[in-house]
Protein backbone atom coordinates (compact mmCIF):
# COMPACT_ATOMS: atom_id res chain seq x y z
CA UNK A 1 -67.50 -55.11 87.48
CA UNK A 2 -63.90 -54.10 88.25
CA UNK A 3 -62.48 -56.98 86.18
CA UNK A 4 -64.50 -56.10 83.11
CA UNK A 5 -63.23 -52.47 83.08
CA UNK A 6 -59.58 -53.60 83.26
CA UNK A 7 -59.71 -55.87 80.20
CA UNK A 8 -61.43 -53.44 77.89
CA UNK A 9 -58.80 -50.73 77.91
CA UNK A 10 -56.12 -53.34 77.21
CA UNK A 11 -57.99 -54.58 74.21
CA UNK A 12 -58.47 -51.00 72.92
CA UNK A 13 -54.75 -50.34 73.27
CA UNK A 14 -53.86 -53.50 71.38
CA UNK A 15 -56.21 -52.66 68.56
CA UNK A 16 -54.71 -49.18 68.29
CA UNK A 17 -51.20 -50.60 68.02
CA UNK A 18 -52.32 -53.06 65.34
CA UNK A 19 -53.90 -50.29 63.29
CA UNK A 20 -50.80 -48.07 63.54
CA UNK A 21 -48.59 -50.96 62.44
CA UNK A 22 -50.85 -51.69 59.51
CA UNK A 23 -50.83 -48.02 58.46
CA UNK A 24 -47.04 -48.01 58.72
CA UNK A 25 -46.86 -51.11 56.62
CA UNK A 26 -49.10 -49.51 54.00
CA UNK A 27 -47.09 -46.22 53.91
CA UNK A 28 -43.66 -47.82 53.70
CA UNK A 29 -44.11 -49.35 50.22
CA UNK A 30 -45.49 -46.06 48.91
CA UNK A 31 -42.51 -44.07 50.28
CA UNK A 32 -40.07 -46.58 48.87
CA UNK A 33 -41.72 -46.42 45.48
CA UNK A 34 -41.76 -42.62 45.48
CA UNK A 35 -38.10 -42.43 46.52
CA UNK A 36 -37.16 -44.87 43.76
CA UNK A 37 -39.08 -42.82 41.22
CA UNK A 38 -37.37 -39.61 42.35
CA UNK A 39 -33.99 -41.30 42.12
CA UNK A 40 -34.70 -42.60 38.63
CA UNK A 41 -35.85 -39.18 37.44
CA UNK A 42 -32.70 -37.59 38.84
CA UNK A 43 -30.52 -40.13 37.04
CA UNK A 44 -32.37 -39.53 33.79
CA UNK A 45 -31.93 -35.75 34.08
CA UNK A 46 -28.22 -36.09 34.86
CA UNK A 47 -27.74 -38.38 31.85
CA UNK A 48 -29.56 -35.95 29.56
CA UNK A 49 -27.43 -33.05 30.78
CA UNK A 50 -24.28 -35.14 30.23
CA UNK A 51 -25.44 -35.95 26.69
CA UNK A 52 -26.04 -32.26 25.99
CA UNK A 53 -22.62 -31.20 27.30
CA UNK A 54 -20.63 -33.89 25.51
CA UNK A 55 -21.16 -32.53 21.94
CA UNK A 56 -20.15 -29.04 23.11
CA UNK A 57 -17.01 -30.37 24.72
CA UNK A 58 -16.15 -32.36 21.62
CA UNK A 59 -16.75 -29.30 19.43
CA UNK A 60 -14.55 -27.17 21.69
CA UNK A 61 -11.87 -29.82 21.67
CA UNK A 62 -11.89 -29.88 17.88
CA UNK A 63 -12.00 -26.12 17.33
CA UNK A 64 -9.36 -25.04 19.85
CA UNK A 65 -6.50 -27.11 18.44
CA UNK A 66 -7.34 -25.98 14.92
CA UNK A 67 -7.19 -22.30 15.93
CA UNK A 68 -3.88 -22.83 17.71
CA UNK A 69 -2.52 -24.66 14.69
CA UNK A 70 -3.54 -21.77 12.45
CA UNK A 71 -1.79 -19.21 14.66
CA UNK A 72 1.38 -21.26 14.66
CA UNK A 73 1.29 -21.56 10.89
CA UNK A 74 0.74 -17.82 10.53
CA UNK A 75 3.66 -17.09 12.86
CA UNK A 76 5.91 -19.43 10.89
CA UNK A 77 4.84 -17.81 7.61
CA UNK A 78 5.57 -14.30 8.91
CA UNK A 79 8.96 -15.42 10.24
CA UNK A 80 9.81 -17.00 6.90
CA UNK A 81 8.86 -13.83 5.00
CA UNK A 82 11.01 -11.72 7.32
CA UNK A 83 13.99 -14.03 6.79
CA UNK A 84 13.53 -13.92 3.01
CA UNK A 85 13.27 -10.11 3.02
CA UNK A 86 16.41 -9.75 5.15
CA UNK A 87 18.26 -12.16 2.88
CA UNK A 88 17.29 -10.16 -0.21
CA UNK A 89 18.31 -6.86 1.39
CA UNK A 90 21.61 -8.34 2.55
CA UNK A 91 22.29 -9.75 -0.92
CA UNK A 92 21.52 -6.42 -2.58
CA UNK A 93 23.73 -4.48 -0.17
CA UNK A 94 26.62 -6.91 -0.15
CA UNK A 95 26.67 -8.65 -3.52
CA UNK A 96 25.63 -5.73 -5.77
CA UNK A 97 28.70 -3.49 -6.25
CA UNK A 98 28.17 0.28 -6.28
CA UNK A 99 30.18 2.90 -8.13
CA UNK A 100 32.85 4.55 -5.94
CA UNK A 101 32.87 8.33 -5.57
CA UNK A 102 35.80 10.46 -6.76
CA UNK A 103 35.94 14.08 -5.52
CA UNK A 104 38.22 17.10 -5.16
CA UNK A 105 38.18 18.15 -1.50
CA UNK A 106 40.46 21.19 -1.48
CA UNK A 107 42.83 23.13 -3.73
CA UNK A 108 45.64 25.39 -2.58
CA UNK A 109 47.22 27.88 -5.00
CA UNK A 110 51.01 27.58 -4.81
CA UNK A 111 51.85 29.92 -7.69
CA UNK A 112 49.70 32.24 -9.86
CA UNK A 113 50.62 34.70 -12.66
CA UNK A 114 48.24 36.36 -15.11
CA UNK A 115 48.17 39.28 -17.56
CA UNK A 116 45.86 40.96 -20.08
CA UNK A 117 48.43 42.59 -22.37
CA UNK A 118 49.79 42.24 -24.89
CA UNK A 119 47.93 38.93 -24.82
CA UNK A 120 45.65 37.62 -22.04
CA UNK A 121 47.19 34.59 -20.33
CA UNK A 122 47.60 32.81 -16.98
CA UNK A 123 50.03 30.38 -15.41
CA UNK A 124 49.36 28.70 -12.05
CA UNK A 125 50.25 25.73 -9.89
CA UNK A 126 47.76 23.92 -7.65
CA UNK A 127 48.15 21.49 -4.75
CA UNK A 128 44.94 19.48 -4.74
CA UNK A 129 43.59 17.00 -2.22
CA UNK A 130 41.30 14.34 -3.69
CA UNK A 131 39.47 11.34 -2.26
CA UNK A 132 38.06 8.05 -3.55
CA UNK A 133 35.24 6.67 -1.41
CA UNK A 134 34.43 2.97 -1.73
CA UNK A 135 30.96 2.12 -0.33
CA UNK A 136 31.20 -1.59 -1.17
CA UNK A 137 31.84 -4.53 1.17
CA UNK A 138 34.78 -5.51 -1.02
CA UNK A 139 37.89 -3.61 -2.06
CA UNK A 140 38.11 -1.42 -5.19
CA UNK A 141 41.19 -1.68 -7.39
CA UNK A 142 41.73 1.03 -10.02
CA UNK A 143 44.39 1.69 -12.65
CA UNK A 144 46.34 4.80 -13.61
CA UNK A 145 43.83 7.62 -13.91
CA UNK A 146 44.10 10.92 -15.79
CA UNK A 147 42.53 14.01 -14.19
CA UNK A 148 41.91 16.86 -16.61
CA UNK A 149 41.54 20.60 -15.83
CA UNK A 150 39.79 22.72 -18.45
CA UNK A 151 38.85 26.35 -19.10
CA UNK A 152 35.63 26.71 -21.15
CA UNK A 153 36.06 23.19 -22.49
CA UNK A 154 39.75 23.63 -23.40
CA UNK A 155 42.27 21.55 -21.43
CA UNK A 156 44.72 23.75 -19.50
CA UNK A 157 46.30 21.10 -17.25
CA UNK A 158 46.30 17.45 -16.22
CA UNK A 159 47.66 15.09 -13.60
CA UNK A 160 48.06 11.31 -13.44
CA UNK A 161 46.84 9.40 -10.39
CA UNK A 162 48.82 6.16 -9.86
CA UNK A 163 46.99 2.85 -9.56
CA UNK A 164 46.01 1.76 -6.08
CA UNK A 165 43.44 -0.14 -4.04
CA UNK A 166 40.71 1.20 -1.76
CA UNK A 167 39.67 -1.03 1.12
CA UNK A 168 36.08 -2.07 1.70
CA UNK A 169 33.78 0.65 3.04
CA UNK A 170 36.60 3.17 3.35
CA UNK A 171 38.01 6.33 1.74
CA UNK A 172 41.43 6.77 0.19
CA UNK A 173 43.05 10.23 0.28
CA UNK A 174 45.57 11.43 -2.26
CA UNK A 175 47.55 14.60 -2.99
CA UNK A 176 48.35 15.89 -6.45
CA UNK A 177 50.33 18.85 -7.83
CA UNK A 178 48.95 20.31 -11.06
CA UNK A 179 50.50 22.89 -13.44
CA UNK A 180 47.98 24.91 -15.48
CA UNK A 181 48.49 27.49 -18.25
CA UNK A 182 46.57 29.13 -21.07
CA UNK A 183 48.85 28.03 -23.91
CA UNK A 184 46.02 26.05 -25.54
CA UNK A 185 43.54 28.94 -25.28
CA UNK A 186 43.73 30.85 -28.56
CA UNK A 187 41.60 33.63 -29.98
CA UNK A 188 39.17 33.39 -27.07
CA UNK A 189 37.70 36.81 -26.37
CA UNK A 190 36.22 35.58 -23.09
CA UNK A 191 39.64 35.03 -21.48
CA UNK A 192 40.51 38.72 -21.38
CA UNK A 193 37.14 39.67 -19.92
CA UNK A 194 37.36 36.88 -17.31
CA UNK A 195 40.84 37.94 -16.25
CA UNK A 196 39.72 41.57 -15.98
CA UNK A 197 36.76 40.44 -13.85
CA UNK A 198 39.21 38.77 -11.46
CA UNK A 199 37.73 35.23 -11.55
CA UNK A 200 38.33 32.14 -13.65
CA UNK A 201 36.05 29.11 -13.69
CA UNK A 202 37.74 25.77 -14.26
CA UNK A 203 36.25 22.29 -14.60
CA UNK A 204 37.87 19.09 -13.35
CA UNK A 205 36.86 15.78 -14.93
CA UNK A 206 38.00 12.18 -14.76
CA UNK A 207 36.80 8.58 -15.09
CA UNK A 208 38.57 6.28 -12.67
CA UNK A 209 38.05 2.75 -14.02
CA UNK A 210 38.53 -0.29 -11.85
CA UNK A 211 36.98 -3.43 -10.39
CA UNK A 212 35.20 -4.23 -7.15
CA UNK A 213 36.15 -7.53 -5.51
CA UNK A 214 33.55 -8.77 -3.06
CA UNK A 215 35.67 -11.76 -1.99
CA UNK A 216 39.40 -12.05 -1.36
CA UNK A 217 41.37 -13.15 -4.39
CA UNK A 218 44.36 -15.41 -4.30
CA UNK A 219 46.06 -18.32 -6.02
CA UNK A 220 43.66 -20.88 -4.60
CA UNK A 221 40.40 -18.93 -4.72
CA UNK A 222 40.35 -16.24 -7.37
CA UNK A 223 37.15 -14.25 -7.90
CA UNK A 224 36.76 -11.97 -10.90
CA UNK A 225 35.88 -8.43 -9.93
CA UNK A 226 33.02 -6.43 -11.36
CA UNK A 227 33.85 -3.36 -13.39
CA UNK A 228 32.95 -0.05 -11.80
CA UNK A 229 33.83 3.58 -12.58
CA UNK A 230 34.38 6.46 -10.19
CA UNK A 231 33.45 9.61 -12.12
CA UNK A 232 34.90 12.99 -11.17
CA UNK A 233 33.09 16.17 -12.19
CA UNK A 234 33.94 19.31 -10.23
CA UNK A 235 33.92 23.06 -10.79
CA UNK A 236 36.52 25.46 -9.34
CA UNK A 237 36.29 29.21 -9.05
CA UNK A 238 39.73 30.89 -8.89
CA UNK A 239 40.03 34.35 -7.36
CA UNK A 240 42.94 35.88 -9.28
CA UNK A 241 43.68 38.97 -7.11
CA UNK A 242 43.49 36.93 -3.88
CA UNK A 243 45.33 33.96 -5.44
CA UNK A 244 43.03 31.34 -4.00
CA UNK A 245 40.28 28.88 -4.97
CA UNK A 246 37.16 30.23 -3.32
CA UNK A 247 34.60 27.67 -4.42
CA UNK A 248 34.61 23.92 -5.16
CA UNK A 249 31.47 22.14 -6.29
CA UNK A 250 31.37 18.43 -7.23
CA UNK A 251 28.37 16.60 -8.65
């Protein structure tokens, strides 16, 4: 009886081990298959995502360089326009001569005589300071210039300005002595009333003709100048009792 009980448990144990091994053998192929399927699905999903991202990357790669190229072109265009504008402005300022300006700056009365009887008359001497301003980037050469002083349109005096040259973008100062008298004023009823009022109004006019040279002239490289005129048009108010010029206005 004891021997029979010992063999039976051993047989039960062996059968249990055989069943567990068989179940393991049956589960292993299923797990392997499932793992392979999961792996394949993961690969498929990753490939699909890669295919979806590739067109976007290609589109970005094509659009970004084009936008950068456009900005560079725009910057170059703006720079070119600025250069052209500066060139035009420089050409206008430098290579287009302007008319110089001729003015009377001050007048000092050196001698003054006047009377109303028996005939109204005056005789005076002025020391005038005049200037010629040349705004050009080349020098201005002018010839002998006549400056005329008039009373009510009648010439009462004149002075000659010798020829000279004004440097580029500079002002030339000159002094002139002028003798004025009323010898040419005849049968003018306004002269007596003006003298009695104590003031005389005189006009000063001149046209200084010359040429502006934008480049240096010489034997080897001679450049013809462009004709320009410096016009003088001033009004003087002479205070007879005080013997001074109290007002100078130039247009």
